[in-house]
């Protein structure tokens, strides 16, 4: 479904990704784990068209994403939930969600999508008239995911969804990610909480300083000594 082939990404003279190749098949949850600065967020930004100094290939269902603008990539069925949530604090919950459906003109379709989001996140329904900036961290993360789902993506890119959340909220967010996947959305997950990420994903890749150093089934990677020591605190 999504494939990166020998992808290099540059920020000026700095090479942030050094020839990575990975695949995400339809229906999977695939996770990218690695330390800060390893290139995880850069990978997602490259897929979404937010960084353009790239070499190699980024293919979605066989089509190259590299020449496309970010809104065109969203139109193909790829939505990203950015690190730090990036909701619009001065807009209401409902207005934030509507921003996620900016490519859809049919009001009935938009209303149906919003109803689905409210079914996944009942708390957002309770707060639909509340300003996004007044929500708790966990509610803002739900809103950021809900906003991305309003585009009805085939694949959801999640960047550090557990960042800054209390442990009980982290468990809830991961439960929701699994639920979204079971409803038919493919997920590419970037996450520093490697323990949880490996538990909910099918396959995983390990990034170190712009290079992929390991890949495989998540359950198998979780048993590797080097992964345990570096990422699982064992």
Foldseek 3Di string as FASTA:
>chain_A
DKWFAQKWADDVPDTQAGTEIDDFDFLFEEEEEEDPSLCQLVVVCQLLQNGQRMDGAIDDVRDTCNVDHNVVSLLVFEFEQDPVRPFQQAAFLQVSLVVLQVVDDDPVLLVVLLVVLCVLPVVCVVRRRPGLNPDDLLVSLSSSVSSPCSSVGQEYEYAASCPPHDPVSSVVVLVSVLVVSVVGHYYYYYHLQLVSSLVRGQKYFYGGSNYTDDIDGSVVLCPDPVCCVPRVVD
